[in-house]
Amino acid sequence: MALPLIIFVVVIWLVREELGPKGLLTCLSICAGLVLGCAYLNVSPYAFIALLALLDVILVLTIFGGDIHIR
């Protein structure tokens, strides 16, 4: 269950210079919002993991979108 969280930390670490401070703060606040939202709404931890995996995919496509060709 920790794989999306590990991937999120690695992706943030790799693209910290490309995102800049504003983008980094935005991504971290979205992640914190997911944590607080899932805790407040008392949803399953699997929902948090799924949402965090979706955030990972969005972050990778945002950063490497020009290099990845999607048909």
N, C-alpha and C. Protein backbone atom coordinates (compact mmCIF):
# COMPACT_ATOMS: atom_id res chain seq x y z
N MET A 1 0.81 -1.20 0.00
CA MET A 1 0.00 0.00 0.00
C MET A 1 0.85 1.26 0.00
N ALA A 2 2.10 1.14 0.33
CA ALA A 2 2.94 2.32 0.42
C ALA A 2 3.59 2.70 -0.91
N LEU A 3 3.40 1.88 -1.94
CA LEU A 3 4.06 2.13 -3.22
C LEU A 3 3.70 3.48 -3.83
N PRO A 4 2.42 3.89 -3.90
CA PRO A 4 2.12 5.21 -4.46
C PRO A 4 2.73 6.36 -3.66
N LEU A 5 2.81 6.20 -2.35
CA LEU A 5 3.43 7.24 -1.52
C LEU A 5 4.93 7.33 -1.78
N ILE A 6 5.58 6.19 -1.92
CA ILE A 6 7.01 6.18 -2.23
C ILE A 6 7.25 6.79 -3.62
N ILE A 7 6.42 6.41 -4.58
CA ILE A 7 6.56 6.96 -5.93
C ILE A 7 6.34 8.47 -5.93
N PHE A 8 5.35 8.94 -5.15
CA PHE A 8 5.09 10.38 -5.05
C PHE A 8 6.32 11.11 -4.51
N VAL A 9 6.92 10.60 -3.46
CA VAL A 9 8.11 11.24 -2.88
C VAL A 9 9.27 11.23 -3.87
N VAL A 10 9.47 10.12 -4.58
CA VAL A 10 10.56 10.04 -5.55
C VAL A 10 10.33 11.01 -6.71
N VAL A 11 9.09 11.07 -7.22
CA VAL A 11 8.80 11.99 -8.34
C VAL A 11 8.97 13.44 -7.90
N ILE A 12 8.50 13.77 -6.71
CA ILE A 12 8.68 15.13 -6.20
C ILE A 12 10.16 15.46 -6.06
N TRP A 13 10.94 14.50 -5.57
CA TRP A 13 12.38 14.72 -5.41
C TRP A 13 13.07 14.92 -6.78
N LEU A 14 12.66 14.15 -7.79
CA LEU A 14 13.29 14.24 -9.10
C LEU A 14 12.95 15.54 -9.84
N VAL A 15 11.74 16.05 -9.66
CA VAL A 15 11.30 17.20 -10.45
C VAL A 15 11.22 18.48 -9.62
N ARG A 16 11.87 18.51 -8.48
CA ARG A 16 11.78 19.69 -7.60
C ARG A 16 12.31 20.95 -8.27
N GLU A 17 13.30 20.83 -9.13
CA GLU A 17 13.85 22.02 -9.79
C GLU A 17 12.94 22.47 -10.94
N GLU A 18 12.31 21.51 -11.63
CA GLU A 18 11.43 21.87 -12.74
C GLU A 18 10.12 22.48 -12.25
N LEU A 19 9.62 22.00 -11.11
CA LEU A 19 8.37 22.53 -10.57
C LEU A 19 8.54 23.93 -9.99
N GLY A 20 9.67 24.16 -9.35
CA GLY A 20 9.87 25.42 -8.67
C GLY A 20 9.15 25.40 -7.33
N PRO A 21 9.36 26.42 -6.54
CA PRO A 21 8.76 26.42 -5.20
C PRO A 21 7.23 26.46 -5.22
N LYS A 22 6.66 27.19 -6.16
CA LYS A 22 5.20 27.30 -6.23
C LYS A 22 4.56 25.97 -6.62
N GLY A 23 5.10 25.30 -7.62
CA GLY A 23 4.58 24.01 -8.04
C GLY A 23 4.78 22.94 -6.99
N LEU A 24 5.93 22.97 -6.32
CA LEU A 24 6.21 22.02 -5.25
C LEU A 24 5.24 22.21 -4.10
N LEU A 25 5.00 23.44 -3.72
CA LEU A 25 4.05 23.73 -2.65
C LEU A 25 2.63 23.32 -3.04
N THR A 26 2.28 23.50 -4.29
CA THR A 26 0.96 23.10 -4.77
C THR A 26 0.78 21.59 -4.67
N CYS A 27 1.76 20.83 -5.13
CA CYS A 27 1.68 19.37 -5.08
C CYS A 27 1.63 18.86 -3.64
N LEU A 28 2.44 19.45 -2.77
CA LEU A 28 2.44 19.02 -1.38
C LEU A 28 1.15 19.40 -0.67
N SER A 29 0.56 20.55 -1.01
CA SER A 29 -0.71 20.91 -0.38
C SER A 29 -1.86 20.05 -0.91
N ILE A 30 -1.80 19.62 -2.17
CA ILE A 30 -2.81 18.69 -2.67
C ILE A 30 -2.71 17.36 -1.93
N CYS A 31 -1.48 16.90 -1.71
CA CYS A 31 -1.28 15.65 -0.98
C CYS A 31 -1.77 15.78 0.46
N ALA A 32 -1.47 16.91 1.10
CA ALA A 32 -1.94 17.13 2.47
C ALA A 32 -3.46 17.23 2.51
N GLY A 33 -4.05 17.84 1.48
CA GLY A 33 -5.51 17.90 1.39
C GLY A 33 -6.13 16.52 1.24
N LEU A 34 -5.46 15.65 0.49
CA LEU A 34 -5.95 14.28 0.36
C LEU A 34 -5.92 13.56 1.70
N VAL A 35 -4.82 13.74 2.44
CA VAL A 35 -4.69 13.09 3.75
C VAL A 35 -5.79 13.59 4.69
N LEU A 36 -5.94 14.91 4.78
CA LEU A 36 -6.92 15.48 5.69
C LEU A 36 -8.35 15.16 5.24
N GLY A 37 -8.60 15.21 3.95
CA GLY A 37 -9.93 14.90 3.44
C GLY A 37 -10.33 13.46 3.69
N CYS A 38 -9.41 12.54 3.45
CA CYS A 38 -9.72 11.13 3.70
C CYS A 38 -9.87 10.85 5.19
N ALA A 39 -9.10 11.53 6.03
CA ALA A 39 -9.23 11.35 7.47
C ALA A 39 -10.54 11.95 7.98
N TYR A 40 -10.90 13.12 7.46
CA TYR A 40 -12.13 13.79 7.90
C TYR A 40 -13.37 13.04 7.45
N LEU A 41 -13.35 12.56 6.21
CA LEU A 41 -14.51 11.85 5.67
C LEU A 41 -14.55 10.38 6.10
N ASN A 42 -13.49 9.93 6.77
CA ASN A 42 -13.42 8.56 7.30
C ASN A 42 -13.63 7.53 6.20
N VAL A 43 -12.91 7.70 5.09
CA VAL A 43 -13.00 6.74 3.99
C VAL A 43 -11.91 5.69 4.14
N SER A 44 -11.99 4.69 3.34
CA SER A 44 -11.03 3.59 3.38
C SER A 44 -9.64 4.08 3.00
N PRO A 45 -8.60 3.50 3.58
CA PRO A 45 -7.23 3.87 3.18
C PRO A 45 -6.97 3.57 1.71
N TYR A 46 -7.71 2.63 1.15
CA TYR A 46 -7.54 2.30 -0.25
C TYR A 46 -7.97 3.45 -1.16
N ALA A 47 -8.93 4.23 -0.72
CA ALA A 47 -9.35 5.40 -1.48
C ALA A 47 -8.23 6.43 -1.51
N PHE A 48 -7.55 6.62 -0.38
CA PHE A 48 -6.41 7.54 -0.33
C PHE A 48 -5.31 7.07 -1.25
N ILE A 49 -5.01 5.78 -1.24
CA ILE A 49 -3.96 5.23 -2.09
C ILE A 49 -4.32 5.41 -3.57
N ALA A 50 -5.59 5.18 -3.91
CA ALA A 50 -6.02 5.35 -5.30
C ALA A 50 -5.90 6.81 -5.73
N LEU A 51 -6.32 7.73 -4.88
CA LEU A 51 -6.22 9.15 -5.21
C LEU A 51 -4.77 9.61 -5.30
N LEU A 52 -3.92 9.09 -4.44
CA LEU A 52 -2.51 9.44 -4.49
C LEU A 52 -1.85 8.87 -5.75
N ALA A 53 -2.24 7.68 -6.17
CA ALA A 53 -1.73 7.11 -7.42
C ALA A 53 -2.17 7.96 -8.61
N LEU A 54 -3.42 8.45 -8.56
CA LEU A 54 -3.89 9.34 -9.62
C LEU A 54 -3.08 10.64 -9.63
N LEU A 55 -2.76 11.17 -8.47
CA LEU A 55 -1.93 12.36 -8.38
C LEU A 55 -0.53 12.10 -8.95
N ASP A 56 0.01 10.91 -8.71
CA ASP A 56 1.31 10.54 -9.28
C ASP A 56 1.26 10.55 -10.80
N VAL A 57 0.21 9.98 -11.36
CA VAL A 57 0.08 9.92 -12.82
C VAL A 57 -0.06 11.33 -13.40
N ILE A 58 -0.87 12.16 -12.77
CA ILE A 58 -1.04 13.53 -13.24
C ILE A 58 0.27 14.30 -13.16
N LEU A 59 1.02 14.11 -12.09
CA LEU A 59 2.30 14.80 -11.93
C LEU A 59 3.31 14.35 -12.99
N VAL A 60 3.37 13.06 -13.25
CA VAL A 60 4.31 12.55 -14.26
C VAL A 60 3.92 13.05 -15.64
N LEU A 61 2.62 13.05 -15.96
CA LEU A 61 2.19 13.53 -17.27
C LEU A 61 2.41 15.04 -17.41
N THR A 62 2.28 15.78 -16.33
CA THR A 62 2.52 17.22 -16.37
C THR A 62 3.99 17.51 -16.62
N ILE A 63 4.86 16.82 -15.94
CA ILE A 63 6.29 17.09 -16.05
C ILE A 63 6.87 16.51 -17.34
N PHE A 64 6.55 15.27 -17.63
CA PHE A 64 7.14 14.60 -18.79
C PHE A 64 6.17 14.49 -19.95
N GLY A 65 5.14 15.31 -20.00
CA GLY A 65 4.09 15.24 -21.02
C GLY A 65 4.59 15.42 -22.43
N GLY A 66 5.60 16.23 -22.64
CA GLY A 66 6.13 16.45 -23.98
C GLY A 66 6.92 15.26 -24.49
N ASP A 67 7.44 14.44 -23.57
CA ASP A 67 8.25 13.31 -23.96
C ASP A 67 7.44 12.02 -24.12
N ILE A 68 6.22 12.00 -23.57
CA ILE A 68 5.38 10.82 -23.62
C ILE A 68 4.30 11.04 -24.69
N HIS A 69 4.24 10.15 -25.65
CA HIS A 69 3.24 10.26 -26.71
C HIS A 69 2.05 9.38 -26.37
N ILE A 70 0.89 9.99 -26.19
CA ILE A 70 -0.33 9.26 -25.88
C ILE A 70 -1.24 9.33 -27.10
N ARG A 71 -1.68 8.19 -27.56
CA ARG A 71 -2.53 8.15 -28.75
C ARG A 71 -3.97 8.22 -28.39
